Amino acid sequence: MTPQEKAIKLISMNELIVLAETGRKLTMDERVGIAKRQAIETCNEVLGFMGADRGYEWWMTVKLEIEKL
């Protein structure tokens, strides 16, 4: 899986959670915005546990891809 594919997957998963919790009370843009923030937070959590270990650069790339989307 490429970093871009992982970024899209994280956003999609988080968007489903937001949709399940809020129903259709939010616009699609609002849901995606919240999902992106949550996906970035997920990356930050993973990076916090990794330090400079293997995979650090990959997760940093995932985080950058999320910010681009």
N, C-alpha and C. Protein backbone atom coordinates (compact mmCIF):
# COMPACT_ATOMS: atom_id res chain seq x y z
N MET A 1 0.85 -1.18 0.00
CA MET A 1 0.00 0.00 0.00
C MET A 1 0.90 1.24 0.00
N THR A 2 0.58 2.15 -0.87
CA THR A 2 1.36 3.39 -0.94
C THR A 2 0.90 4.35 0.16
N PRO A 3 1.72 5.34 0.49
CA PRO A 3 1.31 6.33 1.47
C PRO A 3 0.01 7.05 1.07
N GLN A 4 -0.15 7.32 -0.24
CA GLN A 4 -1.37 7.98 -0.69
C GLN A 4 -2.58 7.08 -0.50
N GLU A 5 -2.45 5.81 -0.79
CA GLU A 5 -3.56 4.87 -0.58
C GLU A 5 -3.92 4.78 0.90
N LYS A 6 -2.89 4.76 1.76
CA LYS A 6 -3.14 4.71 3.20
C LYS A 6 -3.83 5.98 3.67
N ALA A 7 -3.42 7.13 3.14
CA ALA A 7 -4.05 8.40 3.50
C ALA A 7 -5.53 8.38 3.14
N ILE A 8 -5.85 7.93 1.94
CA ILE A 8 -7.24 7.86 1.50
C ILE A 8 -8.03 6.90 2.38
N LYS A 9 -7.43 5.77 2.72
CA LYS A 9 -8.11 4.78 3.56
C LYS A 9 -8.39 5.34 4.95
N LEU A 10 -7.41 6.02 5.55
CA LEU A 10 -7.62 6.60 6.88
C LEU A 10 -8.73 7.66 6.87
N ILE A 11 -8.73 8.50 5.85
CA ILE A 11 -9.77 9.52 5.75
C ILE A 11 -11.13 8.86 5.58
N SER A 12 -11.22 7.87 4.72
CA SER A 12 -12.50 7.19 4.47
C SER A 12 -13.02 6.51 5.73
N MET A 13 -12.14 5.83 6.44
CA MET A 13 -12.55 5.16 7.68
C MET A 13 -13.06 6.17 8.71
N ASN A 14 -12.34 7.27 8.84
CA ASN A 14 -12.75 8.28 9.80
C ASN A 14 -14.04 8.98 9.38
N GLU A 15 -14.22 9.15 8.08
CA GLU A 15 -15.46 9.77 7.61
C GLU A 15 -16.66 8.90 7.93
N LEU A 16 -16.51 7.58 7.81
CA LEU A 16 -17.60 6.67 8.17
C LEU A 16 -17.95 6.78 9.66
N ILE A 17 -16.94 6.93 10.49
CA ILE A 17 -17.17 7.09 11.92
C ILE A 17 -17.92 8.39 12.20
N VAL A 18 -17.48 9.48 11.57
CA VAL A 18 -18.15 10.77 11.74
C VAL A 18 -19.59 10.68 11.27
N LEU A 19 -19.82 10.06 10.13
CA LEU A 19 -21.17 9.91 9.58
C LEU A 19 -22.04 9.09 10.53
N ALA A 20 -21.49 8.02 11.08
CA ALA A 20 -22.26 7.18 12.00
C ALA A 20 -22.62 7.93 13.27
N GLU A 21 -21.73 8.79 13.73
CA GLU A 21 -21.98 9.52 14.97
C GLU A 21 -22.88 10.74 14.79
N THR A 22 -22.84 11.36 13.62
CA THR A 22 -23.59 12.61 13.43
C THR A 22 -24.76 12.48 12.48
N GLY A 23 -24.83 11.37 11.78
CA GLY A 23 -25.88 11.24 10.77
C GLY A 23 -25.61 12.23 9.65
N ARG A 24 -26.63 12.76 9.09
CA ARG A 24 -26.47 13.69 7.97
C ARG A 24 -26.60 15.14 8.43
N LYS A 25 -26.27 15.40 9.70
CA LYS A 25 -26.35 16.75 10.23
C LYS A 25 -25.25 17.65 9.69
N LEU A 26 -24.14 17.05 9.24
CA LEU A 26 -23.01 17.82 8.73
C LEU A 26 -22.96 17.71 7.20
N THR A 27 -22.39 18.73 6.58
CA THR A 27 -22.20 18.65 5.14
C THR A 27 -21.05 17.68 4.85
N MET A 28 -20.94 17.29 3.60
CA MET A 28 -19.86 16.39 3.21
C MET A 28 -18.50 17.03 3.48
N ASP A 29 -18.37 18.31 3.18
CA ASP A 29 -17.10 19.01 3.42
C ASP A 29 -16.75 19.03 4.91
N GLU A 30 -17.75 19.24 5.75
CA GLU A 30 -17.51 19.22 7.19
C GLU A 30 -17.07 17.84 7.66
N ARG A 31 -17.74 16.80 7.15
CA ARG A 31 -17.38 15.43 7.53
C ARG A 31 -15.95 15.10 7.10
N VAL A 32 -15.61 15.48 5.87
CA VAL A 32 -14.27 15.19 5.36
C VAL A 32 -13.23 15.98 6.16
N GLY A 33 -13.53 17.21 6.50
CA GLY A 33 -12.60 18.02 7.29
C GLY A 33 -12.31 17.39 8.65
N ILE A 34 -13.36 16.93 9.31
CA ILE A 34 -13.19 16.26 10.60
C ILE A 34 -12.42 14.96 10.41
N ALA A 35 -12.75 14.22 9.38
CA ALA A 35 -12.08 12.94 9.10
C ALA A 35 -10.59 13.16 8.83
N LYS A 36 -10.25 14.22 8.09
CA LYS A 36 -8.84 14.51 7.82
C LYS A 36 -8.10 14.85 9.10
N ARG A 37 -8.72 15.64 9.96
CA ARG A 37 -8.07 15.99 11.23
C ARG A 37 -7.84 14.74 12.08
N GLN A 38 -8.82 13.85 12.09
CA GLN A 38 -8.67 12.61 12.85
C GLN A 38 -7.60 11.71 12.23
N ALA A 39 -7.52 11.65 10.91
CA ALA A 39 -6.50 10.84 10.24
C ALA A 39 -5.10 11.38 10.55
N ILE A 40 -4.96 12.69 10.56
CA ILE A 40 -3.67 13.30 10.92
C ILE A 40 -3.33 12.98 12.37
N GLU A 41 -4.31 13.03 13.25
CA GLU A 41 -4.08 12.69 14.65
C GLU A 41 -3.64 11.23 14.78
N THR A 42 -4.23 10.35 13.98
CA THR A 42 -3.81 8.94 13.97
C THR A 42 -2.34 8.83 13.59
N CYS A 43 -1.95 9.53 12.55
CA CYS A 43 -0.54 9.52 12.14
C CYS A 43 0.36 10.06 13.25
N ASN A 44 -0.06 11.13 13.89
CA ASN A 44 0.73 11.69 14.99
C ASN A 44 0.91 10.68 16.12
N GLU A 45 -0.16 9.93 16.43
CA GLU A 45 -0.08 8.90 17.47
C GLU A 45 0.93 7.82 17.08
N VAL A 46 0.83 7.34 15.86
CA VAL A 46 1.76 6.30 15.39
C VAL A 46 3.19 6.83 15.43
N LEU A 47 3.39 8.03 14.92
CA LEU A 47 4.74 8.62 14.90
C LEU A 47 5.28 8.82 16.30
N GLY A 48 4.42 9.16 17.24
CA GLY A 48 4.85 9.36 18.62
C GLY A 48 5.38 8.09 19.26
N PHE A 49 4.84 6.96 18.87
CA PHE A 49 5.29 5.69 19.41
C PHE A 49 6.51 5.15 18.68
N MET A 50 6.73 5.60 17.44
CA MET A 50 7.81 5.05 16.63
C MET A 50 9.15 5.69 16.89
N GLY A 51 9.16 6.97 17.18
CA GLY A 51 10.44 7.65 17.21
C GLY A 51 11.06 7.60 15.83
N ALA A 52 12.34 7.29 15.75
CA ALA A 52 13.03 7.25 14.46
C ALA A 52 13.16 5.81 13.95
N ASP A 53 12.32 4.93 14.45
CA ASP A 53 12.37 3.53 14.03
C ASP A 53 11.92 3.37 12.59
N ARG A 54 11.98 2.14 12.12
CA ARG A 54 11.57 1.83 10.75
C ARG A 54 10.12 2.27 10.53
N GLY A 55 9.85 2.75 9.38
CA GLY A 55 8.50 3.16 9.04
C GLY A 55 8.19 4.62 9.33
N TYR A 56 9.09 5.29 10.03
CA TYR A 56 8.84 6.68 10.42
C TYR A 56 8.63 7.56 9.18
N GLU A 57 9.53 7.43 8.21
CA GLU A 57 9.42 8.25 6.99
C GLU A 57 8.14 7.94 6.24
N TRP A 58 7.74 6.66 6.21
CA TRP A 58 6.53 6.26 5.51
C TRP A 58 5.31 6.94 6.14
N TRP A 59 5.23 6.92 7.46
CA TRP A 59 4.09 7.55 8.15
C TRP A 59 4.11 9.07 8.00
N MET A 60 5.31 9.66 7.94
CA MET A 60 5.39 11.10 7.68
C MET A 60 4.85 11.41 6.28
N THR A 61 5.14 10.53 5.33
CA THR A 61 4.63 10.70 3.97
C THR A 61 3.12 10.55 3.94
N VAL A 62 2.60 9.60 4.70
CA VAL A 62 1.13 9.42 4.80
C VAL A 62 0.50 10.71 5.32
N LYS A 63 1.10 11.26 6.37
CA LYS A 63 0.57 12.50 6.96
C LYS A 63 0.58 13.64 5.92
N LEU A 64 1.65 13.76 5.16
CA LEU A 64 1.71 14.79 4.12
C LEU A 64 0.67 14.57 3.04
N GLU A 65 0.43 13.31 2.69
CA GLU A 65 -0.59 12.99 1.69
C GLU A 65 -1.98 13.37 2.19
N ILE A 66 -2.25 13.13 3.47
CA ILE A 66 -3.55 13.52 4.05
C ILE A 66 -3.73 15.03 3.93
N GLU A 67 -2.69 15.76 4.26
CA GLU A 67 -2.77 17.22 4.20
C GLU A 67 -3.02 17.71 2.77
N LYS A 68 -2.52 16.99 1.78
CA LYS A 68 -2.71 17.38 0.37
C LYS A 68 -4.14 17.15 -0.11
N LEU A 69 -4.78 16.12 0.45
CA LEU A 69 -6.12 15.74 -0.04
C LEU A 69 -7.18 16.73 0.40
